[in-house]
């Protein structure tokens, strides 16, 4: 939230369309999903902090990223659970838990209870919902 003051946050679809690419708009603002195994970060081993591509809010650490086999970046915990909003998603004949950035409302993906210890959670996130702020040699 430090990177973008609340007053600078786009408020309308038209403002978001100016800020985001068409594909990012489809994912973040319309709740779309990128195809599995196609996103920039699904198999990334780079270290750093994953931020919301809509507003820059820090959401996940590469330290909690794991290979889930799903084809999307997966994390077993958020940096701060208060930064992730959870909503019931009953689309496609399923009941899932959608996750959104609590700061800007951007659609991130879904969270499932089939992840590794210590949390048992799998935050399954669209690469287009994220920007990686890579560590500068701190490994």
Foldseek 3Di string as FASTA:
>chain_A
DVVAPLVRQDDDLVSQPVLAPPVLCCCFVVVDADDAQPAPPLPDQFFAFKAFSRGRHTWAGSVQWDNPVRRFTKGLGTPDVVQWDWDWDCPPNDTFIWIAGPSRRTTFGGKDQCDDPPRSIIDGGHNSRIDGPGDDPPD
